[in-house]
Amino acid sequence: MQKSEMPLSIPFFTIGITTYNRKEMLKECLGSILCQTFADFEIIVGNDFIEEPLSCEDLFLFDPRIRVINNQRNLGELENLNNLLKVSRGKYFTWQADDDYYAPNFLQEVYKAIMTNGNASTCVLTSYKVVRGKRIPLQTLENEIKVKKVMVSNGQQLLQDYWAGRIKVMGLVGVYAKPYLMSIGGLRRLTNMPIAIFSEYLLIMQISLLKEVIFIDAPLIYYRAHEESWSASNKNREAYEIAGINFLKMSIEIFKSTLAGENYFRKNLTGAMKLILREVALIGARRGNIFILLFNIEYLGALKSLIWTLKGTELYYRGVQSFFYVSLWFLLYFPKILLITIMPNSIKIIAKKMRSYVRGEIA
């Protein structure tokens, strides 16, 4: 662990950053935090690249709010994330990846929302913006993002807005009261792999049980999409399929909860199955293998077996309805993902740029 003088007071926020052999992007990520307009925070970096220990001196960042933990073994993504939560001291906690970064007023807006709500909030989520490539446009580190509105709703309403595409959120970079994250066991393991596949999606399902969630309608987090990012390079279809099954099992139990409400069960189940099928199909597309992609049809049957476990309950009919809608959706989605699979990489690059332009993403 990097030795530094520990502040005596408990920080309001802790930002836990996982890193693995991406020193330059890590420095940029840290720089975006140190430039925040709200200063009451600590940063903990969990370094899983055991071949090269890190220190603040290596990063040329000399700030007592930064702690570096050089793991004695490669913990893997999930264990590293949960270890950062465990050793944090802040009242509120959030995770960040070493290749992503914040708008300068991210923490200030979250703090303002919490204080406006009586300093009793469990969860605050914000929107995000996708940045294509490794380069960080300088203006994103300097310009504060204007907040359109702050919405306070129950978790179930937030989940419906999420399924409908009315809001864009990522569970992992939400800001949570630390006791809440500890009470749910941090991020849940959904596969035997060391990576946190579907774990952050499950976190969104879990917060749907909260009576109150704050959403800040402003893209205060920048998600950097590049060829070396984990989401773009991972091609382990088997791990995704296992994680997807476990994700759906746990989600069904959440959706069955009386807090979630039976009226939303079908919508939630439909959204969860579409999410799983979309993610697994994209893995096949990344590998450029049509035969692997065809396994998605078989995988649809595996999801069906989970729906059939509801037989004999009052939710069974709604589950069957949901599976029917998802099957129809997949028949329409499959040709699209098949086209992406066989499309030459040069065309894919052009298509991505056009999509980014249309969506207003940063090139």
Protein backbone atom coordinates (compact mmCIF):
# COMPACT_ATOMS: atom_id res chain seq x y z
CA MET A 1 0.00 0.00 0.00
CA GLN A 2 1.21 3.47 -0.82
CA LYS A 3 2.23 5.17 2.42
CA SER A 4 0.75 8.61 2.84
CA GLU A 5 -0.59 10.70 5.66
CA MET A 6 -4.22 9.73 6.21
CA PRO A 7 -6.67 12.60 6.75
CA LEU A 8 -8.23 12.45 10.22
CA SER A 9 -11.76 13.37 9.15
CA ILE A 10 -14.07 10.92 7.40
CA PRO A 11 -14.49 11.99 3.76
CA PHE A 12 -17.94 12.48 2.30
CA PHE A 13 -17.16 10.44 -0.83
CA THR A 14 -14.87 7.54 -1.62
CA ILE A 15 -14.05 6.80 -5.25
CA GLY A 16 -12.69 3.27 -5.73
CA ILE A 17 -10.75 2.80 -8.98
CA THR A 18 -9.76 -0.57 -10.39
CA THR A 19 -6.69 -0.57 -12.64
CA TYR A 20 -4.61 -3.01 -14.64
CA ASN A 21 -1.63 -1.87 -16.69
CA ARG A 22 -3.15 1.39 -17.97
CA LYS A 23 -1.03 3.98 -16.22
CA GLU A 24 -1.60 6.87 -18.63
CA MET A 25 -5.37 6.52 -18.69
CA LEU A 26 -5.37 6.05 -14.92
CA LYS A 27 -3.53 9.36 -14.53
CA GLU A 28 -6.17 11.07 -16.66
CA CYS A 29 -8.96 9.46 -14.65
CA LEU A 30 -7.35 10.60 -11.38
CA GLY A 31 -6.79 14.07 -12.81
CA SER A 32 -10.52 14.42 -13.52
CA ILE A 33 -11.24 13.61 -9.88
CA LEU A 34 -8.62 15.93 -8.44
CA CYS A 35 -10.13 18.75 -10.55
CA GLN A 36 -13.57 18.32 -8.99
CA THR A 37 -15.30 21.44 -7.73
CA PHE A 38 -16.18 19.49 -4.55
CA ALA A 39 -13.09 18.49 -2.59
CA ASP A 40 -14.25 16.31 0.35
CA PHE A 41 -13.32 12.89 -0.98
CA GLU A 42 -10.76 10.12 -0.91
CA ILE A 43 -9.54 8.04 -3.85
CA ILE A 44 -8.49 4.42 -3.49
CA VAL A 45 -6.74 2.77 -6.43
CA GLY A 46 -6.75 -1.03 -6.52
CA ASN A 47 -3.84 -2.13 -8.72
CA ASP A 48 -4.22 -5.67 -10.05
CA PHE A 49 -1.13 -5.52 -12.29
CA ILE A 50 1.17 -7.25 -9.84
CA GLU A 51 4.13 -7.13 -12.25
CA GLU A 52 4.32 -3.34 -11.75
CA PRO A 53 3.43 -1.85 -8.35
CA LEU A 54 2.19 1.72 -8.46
CA SER A 55 2.79 4.72 -6.24
CA CYS A 56 1.70 8.35 -6.27
CA GLU A 57 5.27 9.23 -7.24
CA ASP A 58 5.00 7.00 -10.32
CA LEU A 59 1.83 8.82 -11.30
CA PHE A 60 3.28 12.28 -10.51
CA LEU A 61 0.23 12.97 -8.37
CA PHE A 62 1.01 14.14 -4.85
CA ASP A 63 -2.26 14.42 -3.00
CA PRO A 64 -2.94 12.93 0.47
CA ARG A 65 -6.47 12.02 -0.64
CA ILE A 66 -5.07 9.30 -2.92
CA ARG A 67 -4.33 5.81 -1.61
CA VAL A 68 -2.83 3.10 -3.80
CA ILE A 69 -3.32 -0.56 -2.93
CA ASN A 70 -0.96 -2.85 -4.79
CA ASN A 71 -2.66 -6.22 -4.54
CA GLN A 72 -0.35 -9.09 -3.63
CA ARG A 73 -2.13 -11.26 -6.21
CA ASN A 74 -4.35 -10.49 -9.15
CA LEU A 75 -7.72 -10.35 -7.43
CA GLY A 76 -9.69 -10.12 -10.65
CA GLU A 77 -12.22 -7.43 -11.39
CA LEU A 78 -15.01 -8.47 -9.02
CA GLU A 79 -12.88 -9.11 -5.93
CA ASN A 80 -10.90 -5.94 -6.57
CA LEU A 81 -14.12 -3.90 -6.75
CA ASN A 82 -15.46 -5.37 -3.53
CA ASN A 83 -12.15 -4.95 -1.73
CA LEU A 84 -12.16 -1.23 -2.57
CA LEU A 85 -15.61 -0.97 -1.00
CA LYS A 86 -14.44 -2.85 2.09
CA VAL A 87 -11.46 -0.58 2.81
CA SER A 88 -13.25 2.69 1.99
CA ARG A 89 -13.88 5.31 4.69
CA GLY A 90 -16.32 7.66 2.99
CA LYS A 91 -19.97 8.08 3.88
CA TYR A 92 -20.85 7.56 0.21
CA PHE A 93 -19.06 5.23 -2.17
CA THR A 94 -18.77 4.86 -5.93
CA TRP A 95 -16.65 2.83 -8.31
CA GLN A 96 -14.79 4.10 -11.35
CA ALA A 97 -12.79 2.37 -14.10
CA ASP A 98 -9.27 3.53 -14.87
CA ASP A 99 -10.19 4.45 -18.45
CA ASP A 100 -13.24 6.57 -17.62
CA TYR A 101 -13.47 10.04 -16.07
CA TYR A 102 -15.75 12.69 -14.57
CA ALA A 103 -17.08 16.08 -15.56
CA PRO A 104 -15.60 18.66 -13.13
CA ASN A 105 -18.91 19.15 -11.26
CA PHE A 106 -19.85 15.46 -10.86
CA LEU A 107 -19.30 15.25 -7.09
CA GLN A 108 -20.68 18.75 -6.50
CA GLU A 109 -23.98 17.93 -8.20
CA VAL A 110 -24.29 14.61 -6.38
CA TYR A 111 -23.55 16.32 -3.04
CA LYS A 112 -26.10 19.05 -3.79
CA ALA A 113 -28.76 16.44 -4.62
CA ILE A 114 -28.07 14.55 -1.40
CA MET A 115 -28.20 17.68 0.75
CA THR A 116 -31.38 18.91 -0.93
CA ASN A 117 -32.95 15.59 -0.06
CA GLY A 118 -32.14 15.88 3.64
CA ASN A 119 -28.80 14.06 3.69
CA ALA A 120 -30.60 10.73 3.86
CA SER A 121 -30.31 9.40 0.31
CA THR A 122 -29.23 5.83 -0.33
CA CYS A 123 -28.52 6.05 -4.05
CA VAL A 124 -27.77 8.79 -6.59
CA LEU A 125 -27.46 8.01 -10.29
CA THR A 126 -26.43 10.31 -13.13
CA SER A 127 -26.47 10.02 -16.88
CA TYR A 128 -23.27 9.51 -18.88
CA LYS A 129 -21.71 10.26 -22.24
CA VAL A 130 -19.71 7.89 -24.45
CA VAL A 131 -16.29 9.01 -25.67
CA ARG A 132 -14.98 7.11 -28.70
CA GLY A 133 -11.25 6.40 -28.59
CA LYS A 134 -8.56 7.04 -25.99
CA ARG A 135 -8.21 10.79 -26.42
CA ILE A 136 -9.85 13.04 -23.84
CA PRO A 137 -11.09 16.32 -25.35
CA LEU A 138 -9.70 19.07 -23.12
CA GLN A 139 -13.01 20.88 -22.84
CA THR A 140 -14.62 17.90 -21.09
CA LEU A 141 -12.19 18.33 -18.19
CA GLU A 142 -12.77 22.07 -17.97
CA ASN A 143 -16.44 22.68 -18.72
CA GLU A 144 -19.06 22.06 -16.07
CA ILE A 145 -22.13 20.21 -17.29
CA LYS A 146 -25.47 21.91 -16.82
CA VAL A 147 -28.03 19.81 -14.94
CA LYS A 148 -31.39 19.66 -16.72
CA LYS A 149 -33.30 18.37 -13.72
CA VAL A 150 -33.02 16.22 -10.61
CA MET A 151 -35.67 13.55 -10.18
CA VAL A 152 -36.53 11.75 -6.96
CA SER A 153 -38.55 8.56 -7.45
CA ASN A 154 -38.88 5.10 -6.03
CA GLY A 155 -36.59 2.41 -7.38
CA GLN A 156 -39.35 0.68 -9.31
CA GLN A 157 -40.20 3.81 -11.31
CA LEU A 158 -36.52 4.33 -12.05
CA LEU A 159 -36.30 0.77 -13.37
CA GLN A 160 -39.29 1.34 -15.67
CA ASP A 161 -37.64 4.50 -16.99
CA TYR A 162 -34.46 2.50 -17.54
CA TRP A 163 -36.22 -0.25 -19.53
CA ALA A 164 -38.10 2.34 -21.60
CA GLY A 165 -34.86 4.18 -22.47
CA ARG A 166 -36.02 7.40 -20.83
CA ILE A 167 -32.86 7.49 -18.72
CA LYS A 168 -29.27 6.28 -19.23
CA VAL A 169 -27.54 4.98 -16.12
CA MET A 170 -24.71 2.59 -15.20
CA GLY A 171 -25.06 0.84 -11.87
CA LEU A 172 -21.36 0.60 -11.11
CA VAL A 173 -20.77 4.35 -11.16
CA GLY A 174 -23.83 5.23 -9.11
CA VAL A 175 -23.12 6.85 -5.75
CA TYR A 176 -24.35 4.82 -2.79
CA ALA A 177 -24.50 5.12 0.98
CA LYS A 178 -21.75 2.71 2.04
CA PRO A 179 -23.93 0.87 4.62
CA TYR A 180 -26.39 0.02 1.84
CA LEU A 181 -23.72 -1.52 -0.39
CA MET A 182 -22.35 -3.49 2.56
CA SER A 183 -25.85 -4.72 3.45
CA ILE A 184 -26.36 -6.26 -0.01
CA GLY A 185 -22.90 -7.82 -0.03
CA GLY A 186 -21.35 -5.42 -2.55
CA LEU A 187 -21.30 -6.66 -6.11
CA ARG A 188 -22.54 -10.24 -6.52
CA ARG A 189 -20.56 -12.92 -8.33
CA LEU A 190 -22.57 -14.36 -11.23
CA THR A 191 -19.93 -16.52 -12.91
CA ASN A 192 -16.89 -18.56 -11.90
CA MET A 193 -14.73 -16.13 -13.85
CA PRO A 194 -12.96 -13.30 -11.94
CA ILE A 195 -14.81 -10.67 -13.97
CA ALA A 196 -18.01 -8.91 -12.88
CA ILE A 197 -20.24 -9.91 -15.81
CA PHE A 198 -23.83 -8.62 -15.32
CA SER A 199 -23.00 -7.67 -11.70
CA GLU A 200 -23.62 -3.98 -12.25
CA TYR A 201 -26.89 -4.75 -14.03
CA LEU A 202 -27.94 -6.78 -11.00
CA LEU A 203 -27.15 -3.74 -8.86
CA ILE A 204 -29.74 -1.77 -10.86
CA MET A 205 -32.27 -4.55 -10.22
CA GLN A 206 -31.45 -4.42 -6.49
CA ILE A 207 -31.93 -0.67 -6.17
CA SER A 208 -35.37 -1.08 -7.75
CA LEU A 209 -36.43 -2.19 -4.26
CA LEU A 210 -35.45 1.14 -2.71
CA LYS A 211 -38.20 3.52 -1.70
CA GLU A 212 -36.24 6.50 -2.96
CA VAL A 213 -33.60 6.97 -5.67
CA ILE A 214 -32.21 10.24 -7.03
CA PHE A 215 -31.47 10.62 -10.73
CA ILE A 216 -29.49 13.62 -12.01
CA ASP A 217 -30.35 14.27 -15.64
CA ALA A 218 -26.91 15.32 -16.84
CA PRO A 219 -24.03 13.36 -18.46
CA LEU A 220 -21.57 13.86 -15.63
CA ILE A 221 -19.58 10.68 -16.32
CA TYR A 222 -17.57 10.00 -19.45
CA TYR A 223 -17.37 6.37 -20.52
CA ARG A 224 -14.35 5.83 -22.77
CA ALA A 225 -15.05 3.25 -25.51
CA HIS A 226 -11.87 2.01 -27.16
CA GLU A 227 -10.47 -1.19 -28.61
CA GLU A 228 -8.55 -2.10 -25.44
CA SER A 229 -11.51 -1.55 -23.11
CA TRP A 230 -12.81 -4.64 -21.34
CA SER A 231 -16.29 -4.30 -22.82
CA ALA A 232 -14.90 -4.19 -26.37
CA SER A 233 -12.27 -6.90 -26.05
CA ASN A 234 -14.03 -9.57 -23.97
CA LYS A 235 -15.18 -12.52 -26.09
CA ASN A 236 -15.92 -15.17 -23.45
CA ARG A 237 -19.40 -16.26 -24.55
CA GLU A 238 -19.58 -19.14 -22.08
CA ALA A 239 -18.95 -16.86 -19.11
CA TYR A 240 -21.62 -14.44 -20.35
CA GLU A 241 -24.15 -17.24 -20.74
CA ILE A 242 -23.56 -18.55 -17.21
CA ALA A 243 -23.67 -15.05 -15.75
CA GLY A 244 -26.85 -14.32 -17.70
CA ILE A 245 -28.64 -17.37 -16.26
CA ASN A 246 -27.61 -16.45 -12.72
CA PHE A 247 -28.53 -12.82 -13.30
CA LEU A 248 -32.01 -13.81 -14.42
CA LYS A 249 -32.47 -16.20 -11.46
CA MET A 250 -31.62 -13.46 -8.97
CA SER A 251 -33.62 -10.85 -10.87
CA ILE A 252 -36.73 -13.04 -10.83
CA GLU A 253 -36.50 -13.25 -7.04
CA ILE A 254 -36.23 -9.46 -6.89
CA PHE A 255 -39.15 -8.98 -9.26
CA LYS A 256 -41.29 -11.35 -7.20
CA SER A 257 -40.83 -9.14 -4.16
CA THR A 258 -43.96 -7.42 -2.91
CA LEU A 259 -41.97 -4.18 -2.79
CA ALA A 260 -41.43 -4.35 -6.52
CA GLY A 261 -45.13 -4.83 -7.24
CA GLU A 262 -46.75 -7.60 -9.28
CA ASN A 263 -47.99 -5.19 -11.93
CA TYR A 264 -44.42 -4.59 -13.06
CA PHE A 265 -43.32 -8.24 -13.08
CA ARG A 266 -43.83 -8.86 -16.80
CA LYS A 267 -42.16 -5.60 -17.84
CA ASN A 268 -39.18 -6.26 -15.60
CA LEU A 269 -38.79 -9.85 -16.76
CA THR A 270 -39.03 -8.80 -20.40
CA GLY A 271 -36.41 -6.09 -19.92
CA ALA A 272 -34.02 -8.46 -18.12
CA MET A 273 -34.25 -11.18 -20.78
CA LYS A 274 -33.76 -8.72 -23.63
CA LEU A 275 -30.70 -7.30 -21.85
CA ILE A 276 -29.17 -10.77 -21.45
CA LEU A 277 -29.84 -11.85 -25.04
CA ARG A 278 -28.47 -8.57 -26.41
CA GLU A 279 -25.23 -8.82 -24.44
CA VAL A 280 -24.65 -12.49 -25.27
CA ALA A 281 -25.39 -11.88 -28.95
CA LEU A 282 -22.86 -9.04 -29.03
CA ILE A 283 -20.17 -11.43 -27.80
CA GLY A 284 -20.82 -13.66 -30.81
CA ALA A 285 -20.67 -10.60 -33.05
CA ARG A 286 -17.30 -9.56 -31.60
CA ARG A 287 -15.89 -12.98 -32.41
CA GLY A 288 -17.24 -12.71 -35.95
CA ASN A 289 -18.50 -16.28 -35.79
CA ILE A 290 -21.94 -16.97 -37.25
CA PHE A 291 -22.10 -20.45 -35.73
CA ILE A 292 -21.48 -19.07 -32.23
CA LEU A 293 -24.19 -16.51 -32.88
CA LEU A 294 -26.65 -19.29 -33.71
CA PHE A 295 -26.23 -20.62 -30.17
CA ASN A 296 -28.29 -17.64 -29.04
CA ILE A 297 -31.39 -19.44 -30.26
CA GLU A 298 -30.49 -22.39 -28.03
CA TYR A 299 -29.75 -19.94 -25.21
CA LEU A 300 -33.26 -18.55 -25.53
CA GLY A 301 -34.44 -22.04 -24.58
CA ALA A 302 -32.23 -21.99 -21.48
CA LEU A 303 -33.91 -18.78 -20.36
CA LYS A 304 -37.29 -20.39 -21.01
CA SER A 305 -36.50 -23.12 -18.46
CA LEU A 306 -36.18 -20.44 -15.76
CA ILE A 307 -39.61 -19.07 -16.64
CA TRP A 308 -41.07 -22.56 -16.28
CA THR A 309 -39.89 -22.64 -12.65
CA LEU A 310 -42.73 -20.20 -11.97
CA LYS A 311 -45.29 -22.89 -12.84
CA GLY A 312 -47.89 -23.19 -10.13
CA THR A 313 -47.56 -19.57 -9.05
CA GLU A 314 -49.73 -16.59 -9.95
CA LEU A 315 -46.79 -15.10 -11.85
CA TYR A 316 -46.44 -18.01 -14.28
CA TYR A 317 -48.85 -16.61 -16.87
CA ARG A 318 -47.06 -13.26 -16.82
CA GLY A 319 -43.76 -15.06 -17.22
CA VAL A 320 -45.05 -16.93 -20.28
CA GLN A 321 -46.30 -13.65 -21.72
CA SER A 322 -42.90 -12.11 -21.18
CA PHE A 323 -41.09 -15.01 -22.86
CA PHE A 324 -43.43 -14.78 -25.86
CA TYR A 325 -42.74 -11.05 -26.30
CA VAL A 326 -38.98 -11.58 -25.93
CA SER A 327 -39.02 -14.38 -28.51
CA LEU A 328 -40.74 -12.12 -31.04
CA TRP A 329 -38.28 -9.32 -30.26
CA PHE A 330 -35.31 -11.66 -30.75
CA LEU A 331 -36.60 -12.77 -34.17
CA LEU A 332 -36.45 -9.10 -35.21
CA TYR A 333 -33.13 -8.42 -33.44
CA PHE A 334 -31.31 -11.48 -34.76
CA PRO A 335 -30.95 -10.25 -38.40
CA LYS A 336 -29.44 -7.00 -37.10
CA ILE A 337 -26.81 -8.75 -34.99
CA LEU A 338 -26.16 -11.21 -37.83
CA LEU A 339 -25.44 -8.30 -40.15
CA ILE A 340 -23.01 -6.83 -37.60
CA THR A 341 -21.25 -10.22 -37.37
CA ILE A 342 -20.56 -10.56 -41.09
CA MET A 343 -19.90 -6.86 -41.71
CA PRO A 344 -16.25 -5.99 -42.55
CA ASN A 345 -14.41 -4.09 -39.81
CA SER A 346 -13.93 -1.05 -42.07
CA ILE A 347 -17.70 -0.70 -42.45
CA LYS A 348 -18.21 -1.21 -38.69
CA ILE A 349 -15.86 1.70 -37.95
CA ILE A 350 -17.77 4.00 -40.30
CA ALA A 351 -21.10 2.86 -38.82
CA LYS A 352 -19.86 3.55 -35.26
CA LYS A 353 -18.76 7.07 -36.22
CA MET A 354 -22.10 7.79 -37.84
CA ARG A 355 -23.97 6.46 -34.81
CA SER A 356 -21.83 8.59 -32.49
CA TYR A 357 -22.55 11.66 -34.56
CA VAL A 358 -26.30 11.05 -34.57
CA ARG A 359 -26.36 10.42 -30.81
CA GLY A 360 -24.22 13.45 -30.08
CA GLU A 361 -21.41 11.39 -28.60
CA ILE A 362 -17.89 12.80 -28.48
CA ALA A 363 -15.76 11.61 -31.39
